């Protein structure tokens, strides 16, 4: 199980879209619990790999504490499931989950 930074939730508080309430959303709590516990995200949330620019990959490596040469996987999931438009983009190592961005598809892409 990964350790939780007590201030982590404040990072995205201003970025939550109207459709996702971080305090009341069972999907958000479920996803965070899965990530912290190192469990697989179910296919219902459509997890899939994204390709990123080198600058973002370097930022993620720094956040994860990864040495040079370690492959980075950036994952996009749909917080509202199959038909939802609210996305969470993250990367993870064995000890750290790095939340990259949260928002609607049009806000992020």
PDB file of N, CA and C in Angstrom:
ATOM      1  N   UNK A   1       0.845  -1.181   0.000  1.00  0.00           N
ATOM      2  CA  UNK A   1       0.000   0.000   0.000  1.00  0.00           C
ATOM      3  C   UNK A   1       0.889   1.243   0.000  1.00  0.00           C
ATOM      4  N   UNK A   2       0.477   2.240  -0.758  1.00  0.00           N
ATOM      5  CA  UNK A   2       1.230   3.485  -0.851  1.00  0.00           C
ATOM      6  C   UNK A   2       0.881   4.396   0.318  1.00  0.00           C
ATOM      7  N   UNK A   3       1.824   5.238   0.718  1.00  0.00           N
ATOM      8  CA  UNK A   3       1.553   6.224   1.752  1.00  0.00           C
ATOM      9  C   UNK A   3       0.797   7.398   1.133  1.00  0.00           C
ATOM     10  N   UNK A   4      -0.005   8.066   1.944  1.00  0.00           N
ATOM     11  CA  UNK A   4      -0.802   9.185   1.474  1.00  0.00           C
ATOM     12  C   UNK A   4      -0.277  10.485   2.072  1.00  0.00           C
ATOM     13  N   UNK A   5      -0.001  11.441   1.201  1.00  0.00           N
ATOM     14  CA  UNK A   5       0.377  12.777   1.653  1.00  0.00           C
ATOM     15  C   UNK A   5      -0.890  13.442   2.175  1.00  0.00           C
ATOM     16  N   UNK A   6      -0.911  13.941   3.410  1.00  0.00           N
ATOM     17  CA  UNK A   6      -2.147  14.513   3.968  1.00  0.00           C
ATOM     18  C   UNK A   6      -2.653  15.719   3.195  1.00  0.00           C
ATOM     19  N   UNK A   7      -1.827  16.347   2.388  1.00  0.00           N
ATOM     20  CA  UNK A   7      -2.250  17.520   1.619  1.00  0.00           C
ATOM     21  C   UNK A   7      -2.603  17.192   0.176  1.00  0.00           C
ATOM     22  N   UNK A   8      -2.575  15.928  -0.200  1.00  0.00           N
ATOM     23  CA  UNK A   8      -2.731  15.570  -1.604  1.00  0.00           C
ATOM     24  C   UNK A   8      -4.049  16.035  -2.200  1.00  0.00           C
ATOM     25  N   UNK A   9      -5.150  15.951  -1.465  1.00  0.00           N
ATOM     26  CA  UNK A   9      -6.471  16.266  -2.025  1.00  0.00           C
ATOM     27  C   UNK A   9      -6.584  17.733  -2.427  1.00  0.00           C
ATOM     28  N   UNK A  10      -5.842  18.621  -1.775  1.00  0.00           N
ATOM     29  CA  UNK A  10      -5.904  20.034  -2.108  1.00  0.00           C
ATOM     30  C   UNK A  10      -5.323  20.341  -3.483  1.00  0.00           C
ATOM     31  N   UNK A  11      -4.479  19.476  -4.008  1.00  0.00           N
ATOM     32  CA  UNK A  11      -3.841  19.713  -5.297  1.00  0.00           C
ATOM     33  C   UNK A  11      -4.877  19.902  -6.392  1.00  0.00           C
ATOM     34  N   UNK A  12      -5.930  19.096  -6.394  1.00  0.00           N
ATOM     35  CA  UNK A  12      -6.915  19.151  -7.465  1.00  0.00           C
ATOM     36  C   UNK A  12      -8.209  19.844  -7.081  1.00  0.00           C
ATOM     37  N   UNK A  13      -8.330  20.319  -5.863  1.00  0.00           N
ATOM     38  CA  UNK A  13      -9.588  20.893  -5.405  1.00  0.00           C
ATOM     39  C   UNK A  13     -10.108  21.971  -6.358  1.00  0.00           C
ATOM     40  N   UNK A  14      -9.249  22.878  -6.827  1.00  0.00           N
ATOM     41  CA  UNK A  14      -9.697  23.938  -7.725  1.00  0.00           C
ATOM     42  C   UNK A  14      -9.919  23.443  -9.150  1.00  0.00           C
ATOM     43  N   UNK A  15      -9.436  22.255  -9.483  1.00  0.00           N
ATOM     44  CA  UNK A  15      -9.556  21.737 -10.841  1.00  0.00           C
ATOM     45  C   UNK A  15     -10.760  20.818 -11.044  1.00  0.00           C
ATOM     46  N   UNK A  16     -11.470  20.501  -9.983  1.00  0.00           N
ATOM     47  CA  UNK A  16     -12.622  19.628 -10.142  1.00  0.00           C
ATOM     48  C   UNK A  16     -13.690  20.335 -10.956  1.00  0.00           C
ATOM     49  N   UNK A  17     -14.230  19.627 -11.911  1.00  0.00           N
ATOM     50  CA  UNK A  17     -15.317  20.169 -12.715  1.00  0.00           C
ATOM     51  C   UNK A  17     -16.617  20.075 -11.930  1.00  0.00           C
ATOM     52  N   UNK A  18     -17.631  20.744 -12.397  1.00  0.00           N
ATOM     53  CA  UNK A  18     -18.917  20.738 -11.698  1.00  0.00           C
ATOM     54  C   UNK A  18     -19.485  19.334 -11.554  1.00  0.00           C
ATOM     55  N   UNK A  19     -19.179  18.444 -12.477  1.00  0.00           N
ATOM     56  CA  UNK A  19     -19.742  17.104 -12.450  1.00  0.00           C
ATOM     57  C   UNK A  19     -19.108  16.158 -11.452  1.00  0.00           C
ATOM     58  N   UNK A  20     -17.972  16.523 -10.865  1.00  0.00           N
ATOM     59  CA  UNK A  20     -17.289  15.649  -9.912  1.00  0.00           C
ATOM     60  C   UNK A  20     -17.125  16.401  -8.596  1.00  0.00           C
ATOM     61  N   UNK A  21     -17.667  15.847  -7.551  1.00  0.00           N
ATOM     62  CA  UNK A  21     -17.518  16.416  -6.215  1.00  0.00           C
ATOM     63  C   UNK A  21     -16.591  15.483  -5.455  1.00  0.00           C
ATOM     64  N   UNK A  22     -15.369  15.937  -5.198  1.00  0.00           N
ATOM     65  CA  UNK A  22     -14.369  15.066  -4.578  1.00  0.00           C
ATOM     66  C   UNK A  22     -14.776  14.601  -3.191  1.00  0.00           C
ATOM     67  N   UNK A  23     -15.628  15.352  -2.527  1.00  0.00           N
ATOM     68  CA  UNK A  23     -16.052  14.987  -1.175  1.00  0.00           C
ATOM     69  C   UNK A  23     -17.174  13.951  -1.184  1.00  0.00           C
ATOM     70  N   UNK A  24     -17.996  13.961  -2.233  1.00  0.00           N
ATOM     71  CA  UNK A  24     -19.186  13.096  -2.234  1.00  0.00           C
ATOM     72  C   UNK A  24     -19.203  12.028  -3.320  1.00  0.00           C
ATOM     73  N   UNK A  25     -18.263  12.048  -4.230  1.00  0.00           N
ATOM     74  CA  UNK A  25     -18.285  11.125  -5.364  1.00  0.00           C
ATOM     75  C   UNK A  25     -17.788   9.740  -4.974  1.00  0.00           C
ATOM     76  N   UNK A  26     -18.663   8.735  -5.029  1.00  0.00           N
ATOM     77  CA  UNK A  26     -18.204   7.379  -4.724  1.00  0.00           C
ATOM     78  C   UNK A  26     -17.163   6.897  -5.738  1.00  0.00           C
ATOM     79  N   UNK A  27     -17.285   7.327  -7.006  1.00  0.00           N
ATOM     80  CA  UNK A  27     -16.317   6.913  -8.029  1.00  0.00           C
ATOM     81  C   UNK A  27     -14.936   7.475  -7.701  1.00  0.00           C
ATOM     82  N   UNK A  28     -14.870   8.751  -7.335  1.00  0.00           N
ATOM     83  CA  UNK A  28     -13.590   9.372  -6.995  1.00  0.00           C
ATOM     84  C   UNK A  28     -12.948   8.648  -5.816  1.00  0.00           C
ATOM     85  N   UNK A  29     -13.714   8.413  -4.761  1.00  0.00           N
ATOM     86  CA  UNK A  29     -13.185   7.731  -3.578  1.00  0.00           C
ATOM     87  C   UNK A  29     -12.717   6.328  -3.946  1.00  0.00           C
ATOM     88  N   UNK A  30     -13.505   5.625  -4.747  1.00  0.00           N
ATOM     89  CA  UNK A  30     -13.159   4.277  -5.162  1.00  0.00           C
ATOM     90  C   UNK A  30     -11.842   4.267  -5.948  1.00  0.00           C
ATOM     91  N   UNK A  31     -11.715   5.168  -6.913  1.00  0.00           N
ATOM     92  CA  UNK A  31     -10.506   5.234  -7.734  1.00  0.00           C
ATOM     93  C   UNK A  31      -9.292   5.548  -6.871  1.00  0.00           C
ATOM     94  N   UNK A  32      -9.419   6.530  -6.003  1.00  0.00           N
ATOM     95  CA  UNK A  32      -8.296   6.891  -5.130  1.00  0.00           C
ATOM     96  C   UNK A  32      -7.899   5.708  -4.249  1.00  0.00           C
ATOM     97  N   UNK A  33      -8.876   5.025  -3.693  1.00  0.00           N
ATOM     98  CA  UNK A  33      -8.577   3.854  -2.866  1.00  0.00           C
ATOM     99  C   UNK A  33      -7.853   2.780  -3.681  1.00  0.00           C
ATOM    100  N   UNK A  34      -8.306   2.538  -4.908  1.00  0.00           N
ATOM    101  CA  UNK A  34      -7.668   1.536  -5.772  1.00  0.00           C
ATOM    102  C   UNK A  34      -6.212   1.918  -6.044  1.00  0.00           C
ATOM    103  N   UNK A  35      -5.983   3.198  -6.352  1.00  0.00           N
ATOM    104  CA  UNK A  35      -4.630   3.653  -6.647  1.00  0.00           C
ATOM    105  C   UNK A  35      -3.723   3.547  -5.427  1.00  0.00           C
ATOM    106  N   UNK A  36      -4.208   3.982  -4.283  1.00  0.00           N
ATOM    107  CA  UNK A  36      -3.406   3.942  -3.059  1.00  0.00           C
ATOM    108  C   UNK A  36      -3.074   2.510  -2.670  1.00  0.00           C
ATOM    109  N   UNK A  37      -4.034   1.610  -2.835  1.00  0.00           N
ATOM    110  CA  UNK A  37      -3.824   0.219  -2.466  1.00  0.00           C
ATOM    111  C   UNK A  37      -3.091  -0.578  -3.545  1.00  0.00           C
ATOM    112  N   UNK A  38      -2.802   0.066  -4.686  1.00  0.00           N
ATOM    113  CA  UNK A  38      -2.075  -0.612  -5.755  1.00  0.00           C
ATOM    114  C   UNK A  38      -2.906  -1.638  -6.495  1.00  0.00           C
ATOM    115  N   UNK A  39      -4.215  -1.460  -6.494  1.00  0.00           N
ATOM    116  CA  UNK A  39      -5.107  -2.403  -7.175  1.00  0.00           C
ATOM    117  C   UNK A  39      -5.394  -1.950  -8.603  1.00  0.00           C
ATOM    118  N   UNK A  40      -5.782  -2.894  -9.414  1.00  0.00           N
ATOM    119  CA  UNK A  40      -6.121  -2.640 -10.809  1.00  0.00           C
ATOM    120  C   UNK A  40      -7.403  -1.819 -10.918  1.00  0.00           C
ATOM    121  N   UNK A  41      -7.424  -0.857 -11.844  1.00  0.00           N
ATOM    122  CA  UNK A  41      -8.626  -0.072 -12.109  1.00  0.00           C
ATOM    123  C   UNK A  41      -9.510  -0.892 -13.045  1.00  0.00           C
ATOM    124  N   UNK A  42     -10.774  -1.140 -12.682  1.00  0.00           N
ATOM    125  CA  UNK A  42     -11.662  -1.957 -13.516  1.00  0.00           C
ATOM    126  C   UNK A  42     -11.891  -1.346 -14.902  1.00  0.00           C
ATOM    127  N   UNK A  43     -12.154  -2.196 -15.879  1.00  0.00           N
ATOM    128  CA  UNK A  43     -12.356  -1.754 -17.264  1.00  0.00           C
ATOM    129  C   UNK A  43     -13.545  -0.805 -17.407  1.00  0.00           C
ATOM    130  N   UNK A  44     -14.476  -0.817 -16.466  1.00  0.00           N
ATOM    131  CA  UNK A  44     -15.615   0.098 -16.492  1.00  0.00           C
ATOM    132  C   UNK A  44     -15.157   1.552 -16.635  1.00  0.00           C
ATOM    133  N   UNK A  45     -13.997   1.888 -16.054  1.00  0.00           N
ATOM    134  CA  UNK A  45     -13.467   3.255 -16.076  1.00  0.00           C
ATOM    135  C   UNK A  45     -12.611   3.541 -17.307  1.00  0.00           C
ATOM    136  N   UNK A  46     -12.549   2.587 -18.231  1.00  0.00           N
ATOM    137  CA  UNK A  46     -11.838   2.730 -19.502  1.00  0.00           C
ATOM    138  C   UNK A  46     -10.382   3.174 -19.339  1.00  0.00           C
ATOM    139  N   UNK A  47      -9.596   2.524 -18.493  1.00  0.00           N
ATOM    140  CA  UNK A  47      -8.191   2.931 -18.379  1.00  0.00           C
ATOM    141  C   UNK A  47      -7.448   2.654 -19.680  1.00  0.00           C
ATOM    142  N   UNK A  48      -6.677   3.634 -20.132  1.00  0.00           N
ATOM    143  CA  UNK A  48      -5.873   3.430 -21.332  1.00  0.00           C
ATOM    144  C   UNK A  48      -4.648   4.348 -21.292  1.00  0.00           C
ATOM    145  N   UNK A  49      -3.610   3.903 -21.985  1.00  0.00           N
ATOM    146  CA  UNK A  49      -2.352   4.632 -22.010  1.00  0.00           C
ATOM    147  C   UNK A  49      -2.451   5.861 -22.902  1.00  0.00           C
ATOM    148  N   UNK A  50      -1.741   6.913 -22.498  1.00  0.00           N
ATOM    149  CA  UNK A  50      -1.627   8.124 -23.300  1.00  0.00           C
ATOM    150  C   UNK A  50      -0.168   8.317 -23.697  1.00  0.00           C
ATOM    151  N   UNK A  51       0.030   9.016 -24.793  1.00  0.00           N
ATOM    152  CA  UNK A  51       1.374   9.403 -25.202  1.00  0.00           C
ATOM    153  C   UNK A  51       1.575  10.850 -24.769  1.00  0.00           C
ATOM    154  N   UNK A  52       2.741  11.156 -24.214  1.00  0.00           N
ATOM    155  CA  UNK A  52       2.985  12.497 -23.695  1.00  0.00           C
ATOM    156  C   UNK A  52       4.260  13.081 -24.274  1.00  0.00           C
ATOM    157  N   UNK A  53       4.341  14.393 -24.191  1.00  0.00           N
ATOM    158  CA  UNK A  53       5.539  15.096 -24.625  1.00  0.00           C
ATOM    159  C   UNK A  53       6.651  14.871 -23.603  1.00  0.00           C
ATOM    160  N   UNK A  54       7.869  15.015 -24.056  1.00  0.00           N
ATOM    161  CA  UNK A  54       9.047  14.757 -23.227  1.00  0.00           C
ATOM    162  C   UNK A  54       9.044  15.611 -21.959  1.00  0.00           C
ATOM    163  N   UNK A  55       8.597  16.855 -22.047  1.00  0.00           N
ATOM    164  CA  UNK A  55       8.574  17.740 -20.879  1.00  0.00           C
ATOM    165  C   UNK A  55       7.693  17.150 -19.763  1.00  0.00           C
ATOM    166  N   UNK A  56       6.507  16.641 -20.128  1.00  0.00           N
ATOM    167  CA  UNK A  56       5.610  16.035 -19.142  1.00  0.00           C
ATOM    168  C   UNK A  56       6.220  14.756 -18.578  1.00  0.00           C
ATOM    169  N   UNK A  57       6.845  13.968 -19.419  1.00  0.00           N
ATOM    170  CA  UNK A  57       7.468  12.728 -18.955  1.00  0.00           C
ATOM    171  C   UNK A  57       8.569  13.039 -17.937  1.00  0.00           C
ATOM    172  N   UNK A  58       9.365  14.071 -18.188  1.00  0.00           N
ATOM    173  CA  UNK A  58      10.409  14.462 -17.238  1.00  0.00           C
ATOM    174  C   UNK A  58       9.796  14.929 -15.922  1.00  0.00           C
ATOM    175  N   UNK A  59       8.708  15.680 -15.998  1.00  0.00           N
ATOM    176  CA  UNK A  59       8.019  16.159 -14.793  1.00  0.00           C
ATOM    177  C   UNK A  59       7.499  14.975 -13.971  1.00  0.00           C
ATOM    178  N   UNK A  60       6.918  14.003 -14.645  1.00  0.00           N
ATOM    179  CA  UNK A  60       6.384  12.819 -13.963  1.00  0.00           C
ATOM    180  C   UNK A  60       7.521  12.010 -13.342  1.00  0.00           C
ATOM    181  N   UNK A  61       8.607  11.826 -14.067  1.00  0.00           N
ATOM    182  CA  UNK A  61       9.747  11.090 -13.508  1.00  0.00           C
ATOM    183  C   UNK A  61      10.250  11.748 -12.237  1.00  0.00           C
ATOM    184  N   UNK A  62      10.303  13.069 -12.248  1.00  0.00           N
ATOM    185  CA  UNK A  62      10.739  13.789 -11.053  1.00  0.00           C
ATOM    186  C   UNK A  62       9.754  13.558  -9.906  1.00  0.00           C
ATOM    187  N   UNK A  63       8.453  13.637 -10.198  1.00  0.00           N
ATOM    188  CA  UNK A  63       7.430  13.425  -9.177  1.00  0.00           C
ATOM    189  C   UNK A  63       7.427  12.014  -8.624  1.00  0.00           C
ATOM    190  N   UNK A  64       7.735  11.063  -9.476  1.00  0.00           N
ATOM    191  CA  UNK A  64       7.765   9.662  -9.048  1.00  0.00           C
ATOM    192  C   UNK A  64       9.099   9.279  -8.426  1.00  0.00           C
ATOM    193  N   UNK A  65      10.105  10.118  -8.597  1.00  0.00           N
ATOM    194  CA  UNK A  65      11.428   9.783  -8.092  1.00  0.00           C
ATOM    195  C   UNK A  65      12.100   8.701  -8.911  1.00  0.00           C
ATOM    196  N   UNK A  66      11.736   8.590 -10.187  1.00  0.00           N
ATOM    197  CA  UNK A  66      12.283   7.546 -11.055  1.00  0.00           C
ATOM    198  C   UNK A  66      13.637   7.959 -11.618  1.00  0.00           C
ATOM    199  N   UNK A  67      14.583   7.045 -11.608  1.00  0.00           N
ATOM    200  CA  UNK A  67      15.861   7.336 -12.245  1.00  0.00           C
ATOM    201  C   UNK A  67      15.719   7.362 -13.768  1.00  0.00           C
ATOM    202  N   UNK A  68      16.696   7.947 -14.433  1.00  0.00           N
ATOM    203  CA  UNK A  68      16.684   8.006 -15.896  1.00  0.00           C
ATOM    204  C   UNK A  68      16.594   6.595 -16.468  1.00  0.00           C
ATOM    205  N   UNK A  69      15.905   6.466 -17.576  1.00  0.00           N
ATOM    206  CA  UNK A  69      15.788   5.177 -18.240  1.00  0.00           C
ATOM    207  C   UNK A  69      14.607   4.336 -17.799  1.00  0.00           C
ATOM    208  N   UNK A  70      13.921   4.738 -16.735  1.00  0.00           N
ATOM    209  CA  UNK A  70      12.754   3.993 -16.271  1.00  0.00           C
ATOM    210  C   UNK A  70      11.554   4.364 -17.136  1.00  0.00           C
ATOM    211  N   UNK A  71      10.876   3.386 -17.730  1.00  0.00           N
ATOM    212  CA  UNK A  71       9.717   3.714 -18.568  1.00  0.00           C
ATOM    213  C   UNK A  71       8.566   4.302 -17.741  1.00  0.00           C
ATOM    214  N   UNK A  72       7.909   5.278 -18.309  1.00  0.00           N
ATOM    215  CA  UNK A  72       6.784   5.946 -17.655  1.00  0.00           C
ATOM    216  C   UNK A  72       5.513   5.628 -18.424  1.00  0.00           C
ATOM    217  N   UNK A  73       4.489   5.195 -17.717  1.00  0.00           N
ATOM    218  CA  UNK A  73       3.170   4.960 -18.312  1.00  0.00           C
ATOM    219  C   UNK A  73       2.226   6.032 -17.781  1.00  0.00           C
ATOM    220  N   UNK A  74       1.568   6.724 -18.698  1.00  0.00           N
ATOM    221  CA  UNK A  74       0.597   7.744 -18.325  1.00  0.00           C
ATOM    222  C   UNK A  74      -0.772   7.176 -18.672  1.00  0.00           C
ATOM    223  N   UNK A  75      -1.658   7.163 -17.694  1.00  0.00           N
ATOM    224  CA  UNK A  75      -2.947   6.488 -17.838  1.00  0.00           C
ATOM    225  C   UNK A  75      -4.084   7.488 -17.713  1.00  0.00           C
ATOM    226  N   UNK A  76      -5.077   7.310 -18.543  1.00  0.00           N
ATOM    227  CA  UNK A  76      -6.282   8.147 -18.575  1.00  0.00           C
ATOM    228  C   UNK A  76      -7.454   7.244 -18.192  1.00  0.00           C
ATOM    229  N   UNK A  77      -8.269   7.691 -17.244  1.00  0.00           N
ATOM    230  CA  UNK A  77      -9.493   6.948 -16.912  1.00  0.00           C
ATOM    231  C   UNK A  77     -10.678   7.895 -16.929  1.00  0.00           C
ATOM    232  N   UNK A  78     -11.858   7.335 -17.133  1.00  0.00           N
ATOM    233  CA  UNK A  78     -13.111   8.087 -17.146  1.00  0.00           C
ATOM    234  C   UNK A  78     -13.774   7.911 -15.783  1.00  0.00           C
ATOM    235  N   UNK A  79     -13.832   8.993 -15.004  1.00  0.00           N
ATOM    236  CA  UNK A  79     -14.373   8.899 -13.645  1.00  0.00           C
ATOM    237  C   UNK A  79     -15.851   8.557 -13.616  1.00  0.00           C
ATOM    238  N   UNK A  80     -16.575   8.871 -14.698  1.00  0.00           N
ATOM    239  CA  UNK A  80     -18.000   8.567 -14.756  1.00  0.00           C
ATOM    240  C   UNK A  80     -18.274   7.270 -15.512  1.00  0.00           C
ATOM    241  N   UNK A  81     -17.255   6.480 -15.720  1.00  0.00           N
ATOM    242  CA  UNK A  81     -17.456   5.207 -16.396  1.00  0.00           C
ATOM    243  C   UNK A  81     -17.511   5.344 -17.907  1.00  0.00           C
ATOM    244  N   UNK A  82     -18.170   4.399 -18.547  1.00  0.00           N
ATOM    245  CA  UNK A  82     -18.153   4.263 -19.996  1.00  0.00           C
ATOM    246  C   UNK A  82     -18.621   5.504 -20.762  1.00  0.00           C
ATOM    247  N   UNK A  83     -19.617   6.187 -20.255  1.00  0.00           N
ATOM    248  CA  UNK A  83     -20.168   7.311 -21.013  1.00  0.00           C
ATOM    249  C   UNK A  83     -19.775   8.664 -20.430  1.00  0.00           C
ATOM    250  N   UNK A  84     -18.964   8.681 -19.396  1.00  0.00           N
ATOM    251  CA  UNK A  84     -18.615   9.923 -18.719  1.00  0.00           C
ATOM    252  C   UNK A  84     -17.596  10.760 -19.459  1.00  0.00           C
ATOM    253  N   UNK A  85     -17.595  12.036 -19.157  1.00  0.00           N
ATOM    254  CA  UNK A  85     -16.683  12.968 -19.780  1.00  0.00           C
ATOM    255  C   UNK A  85     -15.646  13.505 -18.792  1.00  0.00           C
ATOM    256  N   UNK A  86     -15.644  13.067 -17.553  1.00  0.00           N
ATOM    257  CA  UNK A  86     -14.692  13.546 -16.562  1.00  0.00           C
ATOM    258  C   UNK A  86     -13.520  12.575 -16.483  1.00  0.00           C
ATOM    259  N   UNK A  87     -12.318  13.103 -16.726  1.00  0.00           N
ATOM    260  CA  UNK A  87     -11.137  12.272 -16.849  1.00  0.00           C
ATOM    261  C   UNK A  87     -10.153  12.527 -15.721  1.00  0.00           C
ATOM    262  N   UNK A  88      -9.397  11.508 -15.402  1.00  0.00           N
ATOM    263  CA  UNK A  88      -8.266  11.613 -14.497  1.00  0.00           C
ATOM    264  C   UNK A  88      -7.064  11.039 -15.233  1.00  0.00           C
ATOM    265  N   UNK A  89      -5.983  11.797 -15.267  1.00  0.00           N
ATOM    266  CA  UNK A  89      -4.747  11.340 -15.890  1.00  0.00           C
ATOM    267  C   UNK A  89      -3.721  11.187 -14.776  1.00  0.00           C
ATOM    268  N   UNK A  90      -3.065  10.036 -14.749  1.00  0.00           N
ATOM    269  CA  UNK A  90      -2.101   9.769 -13.681  1.00  0.00           C
ATOM    270  C   UNK A  90      -0.994   8.857 -14.171  1.00  0.00           C
ATOM    271  N   UNK A  91       0.040   8.762 -13.364  1.00  0.00           N
ATOM    272  CA  UNK A  91       1.120   7.820 -13.580  1.00  0.00           C
ATOM    273  C   UNK A  91       1.452   7.247 -12.207  1.00  0.00           C
ATOM    274  N   UNK A  92       2.095   6.096 -12.170  1.00  0.00           N
ATOM    275  CA  UNK A  92       2.389   5.497 -10.874  1.00  0.00           C
ATOM    276  C   UNK A  92       3.651   4.670 -10.907  1.00  0.00           C
ATOM    277  N   UNK A  93       4.250   4.551  -9.748  1.00  0.00           N
ATOM    278  CA  UNK A  93       5.356   3.632  -9.535  1.00  0.00           C
ATOM    279  C   UNK A  93       4.906   2.674  -8.439  1.00  0.00           C
ATOM    280  N   UNK A  94       5.808   1.883  -7.929  1.00  0.00           N
ATOM    281  CA  UNK A  94       5.432   0.954  -6.859  1.00  0.00           C
ATOM    282  C   UNK A  94       5.090   1.676  -5.565  1.00  0.00           C
ATOM    283  N   UNK A  95       5.613   2.886  -5.378  1.00  0.00           N
ATOM    284  CA  UNK A  95       5.408   3.586  -4.114  1.00  0.00           C
ATOM    285  C   UNK A  95       4.670   4.912  -4.226  1.00  0.00           C
ATOM    286  N   UNK A  96       4.509   5.436  -5.458  1.00  0.00           N
ATOM    287  CA  UNK A  96       3.922   6.772  -5.637  1.00  0.00           C
ATOM    288  C   UNK A  96       2.898   6.750  -6.765  1.00  0.00           C
ATOM    289  N   UNK A  97       1.783   7.444  -6.546  1.00  0.00           N
ATOM    290  CA  UNK A  97       0.830   7.731  -7.624  1.00  0.00           C
ATOM    291  C   UNK A  97       0.934   9.222  -7.899  1.00  0.00           C
ATOM    292  N   UNK A  98       1.192   9.577  -9.141  1.00  0.00           N
ATOM    293  CA  UNK A  98       1.368  10.969  -9.533  1.00  0.00           C
ATOM    294  C   UNK A  98       0.142  11.380 -10.342  1.00  0.00           C
ATOM    295  N   UNK A  99      -0.694  12.238  -9.745  1.00  0.00           N
ATOM    296  CA  UNK A  99      -1.891  12.711 -10.431  1.00  0.00           C
ATOM    297  C   UNK A  99      -1.490  13.856 -11.341  1.00  0.00           C
ATOM    298  N   UNK A 100      -1.707  13.681 -12.635  1.00  0.00           N
ATOM    299  CA  UNK A 100      -1.258  14.639 -13.634  1.00  0.00           C
ATOM    300  C   UNK A 100      -2.306  15.716 -13.882  1.00  0.00           C
ATOM    301  N   UNK A 101      -3.554  15.308 -14.115  1.00  0.00           N
ATOM    302  CA  UNK A 101      -4.607  16.274 -14.445  1.00  0.00           C
ATOM    303  C   UNK A 101      -5.974  15.652 -14.218  1.00  0.00           C
ATOM    304  N   UNK A 102      -6.965  16.532 -14.021  1.00  0.00           N
ATOM    305  CA  UNK A 102      -8.351  16.106 -13.889  1.00  0.00           C
ATOM    306  C   UNK A 102      -9.219  17.156 -14.559  1.00  0.00           C
ATOM    307  N   UNK A 103     -10.271  16.710 -15.239  1.00  0.00           N
ATOM    308  CA  UNK A 103     -11.189  17.643 -15.889  1.00  0.00           C
ATOM    309  C   UNK A 103     -11.979  16.939 -16.971  1.00  0.00           C
ATOM    310  N   UNK A 104     -12.739  17.723 -17.709  1.00  0.00           N
ATOM    311  CA  UNK A 104     -13.496  17.154 -18.820  1.00  0.00           C
ATOM    312  C   UNK A 104     -12.553  16.944 -20.002  1.00  0.00           C
ATOM    313  N   UNK A 105     -12.998  16.188 -20.974  1.00  0.00           N
ATOM    314  CA  UNK A 105     -12.193  15.921 -22.147  1.00  0.00           C
ATOM    315  C   UNK A 105     -11.819  17.228 -22.847  1.00  0.00           C
ATOM    316  N   UNK A 106     -12.782  18.109 -23.004  1.00  0.00           N
ATOM    317  CA  UNK A 106     -12.486  19.378 -23.697  1.00  0.00           C
ATOM    318  C   UNK A 106     -11.544  20.269 -22.892  1.00  0.00           C
ATOM    319  N   UNK A 107     -11.541  20.196 -21.577  1.00  0.00           N
ATOM    320  CA  UNK A 107     -10.627  20.985 -20.754  1.00  0.00           C
ATOM    321  C   UNK A 107      -9.190  20.464 -20.864  1.00  0.00           C
ATOM    322  N   UNK A 108      -9.036  19.158 -21.014  1.00  0.00           N
ATOM    323  CA  UNK A 108      -7.711  18.556 -21.001  1.00  0.00           C
ATOM    324  C   UNK A 108      -7.097  18.380 -22.389  1.00  0.00           C
ATOM    325  N   UNK A 109      -7.942  18.220 -23.395  1.00  0.00           N
ATOM    326  CA  UNK A 109      -7.421  17.976 -24.732  1.00  0.00           C
ATOM    327  C   UNK A 109      -7.929  19.023 -25.653  1.00  0.00           C
TER     328      UNK A 109
END
